[in-house]
Protein backbone atom coordinates (compact mmCIF):
# COMPACT_ATOMS: atom_id res chain seq x y z
CA MET A 1 -0.06 0.07 0.08
CA ASP A 2 1.23 3.60 -0.80
CA SER A 3 2.94 4.92 2.25
CA ASN A 4 0.87 8.04 1.85
CA ILE A 5 -2.58 5.93 3.06
CA ARG A 6 -3.08 4.97 6.61
CA LYS A 7 -5.79 3.46 8.48
CA LEU A 8 -7.77 5.18 10.26
CA THR A 9 -7.69 5.75 14.03
CA LYS A 10 -10.36 4.08 16.33
CA GLU A 11 -11.52 7.75 16.69
CA GLN A 12 -12.05 8.35 13.15
CA GLU A 13 -13.20 5.13 12.70
CA GLY A 14 -16.42 6.21 14.74
CA LEU A 15 -16.94 9.32 13.08
CA TRP A 16 -16.57 7.60 9.50
CA LEU A 17 -19.24 5.12 10.54
CA ASP A 18 -21.57 7.64 12.00
CA TYR A 19 -20.98 9.68 8.90
CA CYS A 20 -21.77 6.75 6.85
CA ILE A 21 -25.13 6.62 8.97
CA ASN A 22 -26.14 10.46 8.61
CA PRO A 23 -24.10 11.91 5.47
CA ASP A 24 -25.72 14.92 5.51
CA SER A 25 -25.34 15.85 9.83
CA ILE A 26 -23.22 18.91 9.91
CA GLN A 27 -22.76 18.04 13.55
CA TYR A 28 -19.16 17.41 13.18
CA ASN A 29 -18.42 20.86 11.28
CA SER A 30 -16.17 22.84 13.55
CA TYR A 31 -15.22 26.72 12.80
CA VAL A 32 -13.57 29.44 13.85
CA PHE A 33 -14.20 32.99 12.31
CA LEU A 34 -11.86 36.05 13.33
CA LEU A 35 -12.11 39.79 12.33
CA ILE A 36 -9.12 41.12 10.79
CA LYS A 37 -8.65 45.00 10.93
CA GLY A 38 -6.14 47.02 9.06
CA ASN A 39 -4.64 46.90 5.67
CA LEU A 40 -4.55 43.44 4.02
CA ASP A 41 -1.88 42.31 1.38
CA LEU A 42 -4.33 39.74 -0.31
CA GLU A 43 -2.09 38.21 -2.24
CA HIS A 44 0.58 37.62 0.55
CA PHE A 45 -2.13 36.52 2.92
CA ILE A 46 -3.29 33.69 0.07
CA GLU A 47 0.36 32.51 -0.15
CA CYS A 48 0.89 32.51 3.51
CA GLN A 49 -2.35 30.53 3.86
CA ASP A 50 -1.40 27.98 1.38
CA ILE A 51 2.06 27.69 3.06
CA VAL A 52 0.28 27.07 6.25
CA LEU A 53 -1.94 24.30 4.68
CA ASN A 54 0.80 22.53 3.51
CA HIS A 55 2.82 22.47 6.78
CA PHE A 56 0.00 21.13 9.13
CA ASN A 57 -0.05 17.40 7.71
CA THR A 58 -3.45 16.72 9.76
CA ILE A 59 -5.19 19.32 7.30
CA LYS A 60 -4.22 17.64 4.04
CA ILE A 61 -6.29 14.16 4.45
CA LYS A 62 -8.30 13.27 2.20
CA PHE A 63 -10.51 9.79 2.81
CA ILE A 64 -10.52 7.31 0.53
CA ILE A 65 -12.40 3.83 -0.02
CA LYS A 66 -9.89 0.46 -1.11
CA ASP A 67 -12.20 -2.76 -1.00
CA GLY A 68 -14.91 -1.22 1.04
CA VAL A 69 -12.80 -0.19 3.83
CA PRO A 70 -11.72 3.61 4.60
CA TYR A 71 -8.45 5.04 4.95
CA GLN A 72 -6.90 8.21 5.02
CA SER A 73 -4.63 9.84 2.07
CA LEU A 74 -1.80 12.59 2.53
CA LEU A 75 -2.22 14.88 -0.02
CA LYS A 76 0.63 16.24 -1.25
CA ASP A 77 -1.17 19.63 -2.33
CA THR A 78 -4.54 20.69 -1.08
CA GLY A 79 -5.55 22.46 -4.23
CA SER A 80 -7.61 25.33 -4.25
CA GLY A 81 -11.25 24.39 -4.09
CA TYR A 82 -11.56 24.81 -0.59
CA PHE A 83 -10.73 28.51 -0.91
CA LYS A 84 -13.66 31.38 -1.66
CA PHE A 85 -13.05 35.10 -1.51
CA THR A 86 -15.82 37.53 -1.27
CA ASP A 87 -15.49 41.20 -1.86
CA LEU A 88 -18.53 43.02 -0.23
CA THR A 89 -17.10 46.27 -1.69
CA GLN A 90 -17.91 45.93 -5.24
CA LYS A 91 -21.24 44.41 -4.91
CA SER A 92 -24.23 46.94 -5.44
CA GLU A 93 -27.61 46.00 -3.52
CA ASN A 94 -25.64 42.87 -2.08
CA ASN A 95 -28.02 41.42 0.42
CA GLU A 96 -25.08 38.85 1.67
CA SER A 97 -23.41 39.48 4.87
CA PRO A 98 -20.52 37.84 6.60
CA GLU A 99 -22.59 36.09 8.65
CA SER A 100 -24.76 34.61 5.89
CA ILE A 101 -21.79 33.51 4.14
CA PHE A 102 -20.35 31.49 7.10
CA LYS A 103 -23.94 30.26 7.75
CA LYS A 104 -24.13 28.77 4.58
CA MET A 105 -19.77 27.41 4.47
CA ILE A 106 -20.76 25.65 7.94
CA SER A 107 -24.07 24.49 6.99
CA ARG A 108 -23.12 22.21 4.28
CA PRO A 109 -22.12 19.09 4.89
CA PHE A 110 -18.74 17.93 3.92
CA LYS A 111 -18.62 14.80 1.46
CA LEU A 112 -15.83 12.98 3.12
CA GLU A 113 -14.77 10.76 0.08
CA GLU A 114 -15.15 13.47 -2.60
CA GLU A 115 -13.54 16.60 -1.05
CA VAL A 116 -11.02 17.71 1.17
CA CYS A 117 -12.49 18.21 4.65
CA PHE A 118 -12.04 21.78 5.30
CA ARG A 119 -13.31 24.90 3.74
CA ILE A 120 -12.05 28.39 3.89
CA CYS A 121 -13.48 31.95 3.23
CA LEU A 122 -12.06 35.74 3.13
CA ILE A 123 -14.60 38.31 3.11
CA LYS A 124 -13.77 42.01 2.36
CA PHE A 125 -16.15 43.78 4.37
CA SER A 126 -14.65 47.44 3.84
CA GLU A 127 -10.88 48.58 2.60
CA ASP A 128 -9.55 47.72 6.59
CA CYS A 129 -12.17 44.90 7.48
CA TYR A 130 -12.01 41.39 6.74
CA TYR A 131 -13.84 38.27 8.03
CA TYR A 132 -12.05 35.37 7.73
CA GLY A 133 -13.41 31.79 8.51
CA PHE A 134 -12.26 28.04 8.91
CA THR A 135 -14.35 25.22 9.02
CA GLN A 136 -13.38 21.64 8.88
CA HIS A 137 -15.11 18.15 9.60
CA HIS A 138 -14.06 16.81 13.07
CA ILE A 139 -12.70 13.90 11.64
CA LEU A 140 -9.33 15.74 10.92
CA SER A 141 -9.37 17.16 14.21
CA ASP A 142 -11.27 19.72 16.71
CA ALA A 143 -11.52 23.14 17.02
CA PHE A 144 -8.64 24.15 19.34
CA THR A 145 -6.41 22.78 16.04
CA ALA A 146 -8.68 24.98 13.61
CA ASP A 147 -7.23 27.95 16.23
CA ILE A 148 -3.67 26.70 16.22
CA PHE A 149 -4.00 26.97 12.04
CA CYS A 150 -5.46 30.48 12.51
CA GLN A 151 -2.26 31.40 14.88
CA ALA A 152 -0.20 29.79 12.64
CA LEU A 153 -1.74 31.67 9.53
CA SER A 154 -1.23 35.16 11.43
CA CYS A 155 2.36 34.06 12.37
CA THR A 156 3.37 33.40 8.80
CA TYR A 157 1.75 36.69 7.48
CA ASN A 158 3.32 38.96 9.88
CA GLU A 159 6.75 36.78 10.67
CA GLY A 160 7.74 34.91 7.89
CA VAL A 161 8.10 31.07 7.13
CA LYS A 162 10.73 30.37 9.52
CA ALA A 163 8.74 32.07 12.44
CA LEU A 164 6.19 29.17 11.35
CA LYS A 165 8.61 26.45 11.49
CA ASP A 166 10.38 27.39 14.62
CA LYS A 167 6.91 27.47 16.47
CA TRP A 168 5.04 24.62 14.84
CA ALA A 169 7.61 22.18 13.67
CA GLN A 170 5.98 18.94 12.05
CA LYS A 171 7.48 15.19 12.39
CA THR A 172 6.77 12.93 10.13
CA LEU A 173 5.11 9.41 11.31
CA ASP A 174 8.49 7.95 10.92
CA GLU A 175 10.12 10.09 13.25
């Protein structure tokens, strides 16, 4: 078997079973929302987000089925389908709000065997006000881990990649 494919943990097996019984449930969607005030270099922010996503292996998990058995597969790259940017300053007569966008994001169930198990959105509310949302299926980790991800993103954006690697060193499964 491919070295990037691993059995589920006992905790993940329980969550997988519940997912199979209730595939449209959102009860395991955990999330963190942040207010970002001040000037934001959007290109740099997205670049830092990709660096942080690729730094934490727990986020880069996708679930696959082989011979009827679920496994977790470590992705080399998360792709870009997880991220949505919305500029509310450019939409006239827009009925959307940050709250309505976040609600849509967290109220959609994850299809564990079809997509990455997290979603991210960044909303530009005004020239110096952004909202950032990160939601994931609990089968990856918990809301505490999502908060660490957001701290790591802030650290990388403000202090650089070296600070990320110094503060959140990652070990492989073989170490």
